[in-house]
Amino acid sequence: MGELILIRHGQTEWSLSGQHTGRTDIPLTEAGEAAAKSLAPRLAQRYLVAVFSSPLSRA
């Protein structure tokens, strides 16, 4: 059996302040971008069959 990898949206100014972003397309903070980039080496070592992503820029 395969594995399912779930990754949440990255940090935004609204998530820092505790606001609910819902479907609002808020950009990532610098920390959010750094966290997303840090996933690349870990995901590059995996064989991915399918990737599903939100169309929002914070995804």
N, C-alpha and C. Protein backbone atom coordinates (compact mmCIF):
# COMPACT_ATOMS: atom_id res chain seq x y z
N MET A 1 0.84 -1.17 0.00
CA MET A 1 0.00 0.00 0.00
C MET A 1 0.89 1.25 0.00
N GLY A 2 0.47 2.26 -0.69
CA GLY A 2 1.22 3.51 -0.77
C GLY A 2 1.03 4.37 0.46
N GLU A 3 1.55 5.56 0.39
CA GLU A 3 1.36 6.49 1.49
C GLU A 3 0.75 7.78 0.97
N LEU A 4 0.07 8.47 1.85
CA LEU A 4 -0.58 9.74 1.54
C LEU A 4 0.19 10.82 2.28
N ILE A 5 0.64 11.82 1.55
CA ILE A 5 1.39 12.92 2.15
C ILE A 5 0.51 14.16 2.10
N LEU A 6 0.24 14.75 3.24
CA LEU A 6 -0.57 15.97 3.32
C LEU A 6 0.31 17.13 3.76
N ILE A 7 0.21 18.22 3.04
CA ILE A 7 0.97 19.42 3.38
C ILE A 7 -0.01 20.59 3.40
N ARG A 8 0.00 21.31 4.49
CA ARG A 8 -0.94 22.43 4.65
C ARG A 8 -0.44 23.68 3.94
N HIS A 9 -1.34 24.64 3.78
CA HIS A 9 -0.96 25.95 3.26
C HIS A 9 0.13 26.55 4.15
N GLY A 10 0.97 27.38 3.58
CA GLY A 10 2.04 28.02 4.33
C GLY A 10 1.57 29.22 5.13
N GLN A 11 2.47 29.76 5.92
CA GLN A 11 2.17 30.89 6.80
C GLN A 11 1.89 32.16 5.99
N THR A 12 0.85 32.88 6.41
CA THR A 12 0.51 34.19 5.84
C THR A 12 0.41 35.19 6.98
N GLU A 13 0.30 36.45 6.65
CA GLU A 13 0.12 37.48 7.68
C GLU A 13 -1.18 37.22 8.46
N TRP A 14 -2.20 36.77 7.77
CA TRP A 14 -3.48 36.51 8.44
C TRP A 14 -3.36 35.33 9.39
N SER A 15 -2.66 34.28 8.99
CA SER A 15 -2.54 33.13 9.89
C SER A 15 -1.72 33.50 11.12
N LEU A 16 -0.77 34.40 10.97
CA LEU A 16 0.01 34.88 12.11
C LEU A 16 -0.86 35.61 13.12
N SER A 17 -1.83 36.37 12.62
CA SER A 17 -2.69 37.16 13.51
C SER A 17 -3.92 36.38 13.97
N GLY A 18 -4.03 35.11 13.54
CA GLY A 18 -5.16 34.29 13.98
C GLY A 18 -6.42 34.47 13.15
N GLN A 19 -6.33 35.18 12.05
CA GLN A 19 -7.49 35.38 11.19
C GLN A 19 -7.69 34.16 10.29
N HIS A 20 -8.94 33.90 9.98
CA HIS A 20 -9.29 32.79 9.08
C HIS A 20 -9.22 33.32 7.65
N THR A 21 -8.42 32.67 6.80
CA THR A 21 -8.25 33.16 5.43
C THR A 21 -9.30 32.63 4.46
N GLY A 22 -9.85 31.46 4.76
CA GLY A 22 -10.86 30.90 3.87
C GLY A 22 -10.36 30.79 2.45
N ARG A 23 -11.08 31.36 1.51
CA ARG A 23 -10.69 31.29 0.09
C ARG A 23 -9.95 32.54 -0.38
N THR A 24 -9.67 33.46 0.57
CA THR A 24 -8.95 34.67 0.20
C THR A 24 -7.52 34.30 -0.18
N ASP A 25 -7.06 34.83 -1.29
CA ASP A 25 -5.73 34.48 -1.79
C ASP A 25 -4.69 35.44 -1.22
N ILE A 26 -4.15 35.09 -0.06
CA ILE A 26 -3.16 35.89 0.65
C ILE A 26 -1.77 35.31 0.36
N PRO A 27 -0.78 36.14 0.05
CA PRO A 27 0.56 35.59 -0.22
C PRO A 27 1.24 35.07 1.05
N LEU A 28 2.22 34.21 0.87
CA LEU A 28 2.98 33.68 1.98
C LEU A 28 3.91 34.74 2.57
N THR A 29 4.20 34.61 3.86
CA THR A 29 5.23 35.43 4.47
C THR A 29 6.59 34.86 4.05
N GLU A 30 7.66 35.55 4.40
CA GLU A 30 9.00 35.01 4.10
C GLU A 30 9.20 33.68 4.80
N ALA A 31 8.70 33.56 6.04
CA ALA A 31 8.81 32.29 6.78
C ALA A 31 8.01 31.20 6.08
N GLY A 32 6.85 31.55 5.54
CA GLY A 32 6.03 30.58 4.82
C GLY A 32 6.72 30.09 3.56
N GLU A 33 7.36 31.01 2.85
CA GLU A 33 8.11 30.62 1.64
C GLU A 33 9.30 29.73 2.00
N ALA A 34 10.00 30.06 3.07
CA ALA A 34 11.15 29.27 3.49
C ALA A 34 10.72 27.86 3.90
N ALA A 35 9.60 27.76 4.59
CA ALA A 35 9.09 26.45 5.00
C ALA A 35 8.73 25.61 3.78
N ALA A 36 8.10 26.24 2.80
CA ALA A 36 7.73 25.51 1.58
C ALA A 36 8.97 25.03 0.83
N LYS A 37 9.97 25.89 0.72
CA LYS A 37 11.19 25.51 0.01
C LYS A 37 11.93 24.38 0.74
N SER A 38 11.82 24.35 2.05
CA SER A 38 12.52 23.31 2.82
C SER A 38 11.94 21.92 2.57
N LEU A 39 10.74 21.84 2.01
CA LEU A 39 10.12 20.55 1.70
C LEU A 39 10.68 19.92 0.43
N ALA A 40 11.22 20.73 -0.45
CA ALA A 40 11.67 20.24 -1.76
C ALA A 40 12.64 19.06 -1.67
N PRO A 41 13.70 19.12 -0.86
CA PRO A 41 14.62 17.97 -0.82
C PRO A 41 13.94 16.69 -0.31
N ARG A 42 13.03 16.84 0.63
CA ARG A 42 12.34 15.66 1.18
C ARG A 42 11.39 15.05 0.15
N LEU A 43 10.73 15.89 -0.62
CA LEU A 43 9.78 15.38 -1.62
C LEU A 43 10.50 14.88 -2.88
N ALA A 44 11.67 15.41 -3.18
CA ALA A 44 12.40 15.01 -4.38
C ALA A 44 12.84 13.55 -4.31
N GLN A 45 12.94 13.01 -3.12
CA GLN A 45 13.37 11.62 -2.95
C GLN A 45 12.22 10.63 -3.06
N ARG A 46 11.04 11.10 -3.28
CA ARG A 46 9.87 10.23 -3.32
C ARG A 46 9.35 10.07 -4.74
N TYR A 47 8.77 8.92 -5.00
CA TYR A 47 8.08 8.69 -6.26
C TYR A 47 6.63 9.09 -6.05
N LEU A 48 6.19 10.14 -6.72
CA LEU A 48 4.84 10.65 -6.55
C LEU A 48 3.98 10.20 -7.72
N VAL A 49 2.84 9.61 -7.40
CA VAL A 49 1.93 9.13 -8.43
C VAL A 49 0.98 10.25 -8.85
N ALA A 50 0.53 11.04 -7.89
CA ALA A 50 -0.39 12.14 -8.17
C ALA A 50 -0.15 13.26 -7.17
N VAL A 51 -0.36 14.49 -7.62
CA VAL A 51 -0.24 15.66 -6.75
C VAL A 51 -1.49 16.51 -6.97
N PHE A 52 -2.14 16.84 -5.88
CA PHE A 52 -3.33 17.69 -5.93
C PHE A 52 -3.02 18.94 -5.10
N SER A 53 -3.25 20.10 -5.66
CA SER A 53 -2.89 21.35 -4.98
C SER A 53 -4.00 22.38 -5.11
N SER A 54 -4.11 23.20 -4.09
CA SER A 54 -5.02 24.32 -4.12
C SER A 54 -4.54 25.31 -5.18
N PRO A 55 -5.44 26.04 -5.84
CA PRO A 55 -5.01 27.05 -6.80
C PRO A 55 -4.55 28.35 -6.13
N LEU A 56 -4.67 28.44 -4.79
CA LEU A 56 -4.28 29.66 -4.09
C LEU A 56 -2.76 29.80 -4.04
N SER A 57 -2.27 31.02 -4.06
CA SER A 57 -0.83 31.24 -4.09
C SER A 57 -0.13 30.79 -2.82
N ARG A 58 -0.85 30.65 -1.72
CA ARG A 58 -0.22 30.20 -0.47
C ARG A 58 -0.07 28.69 -0.40
N ALA A 59 -0.53 27.99 -1.43
CA ALA A 59 -0.43 26.52 -1.44
C ALA A 59 0.90 26.07 -2.02
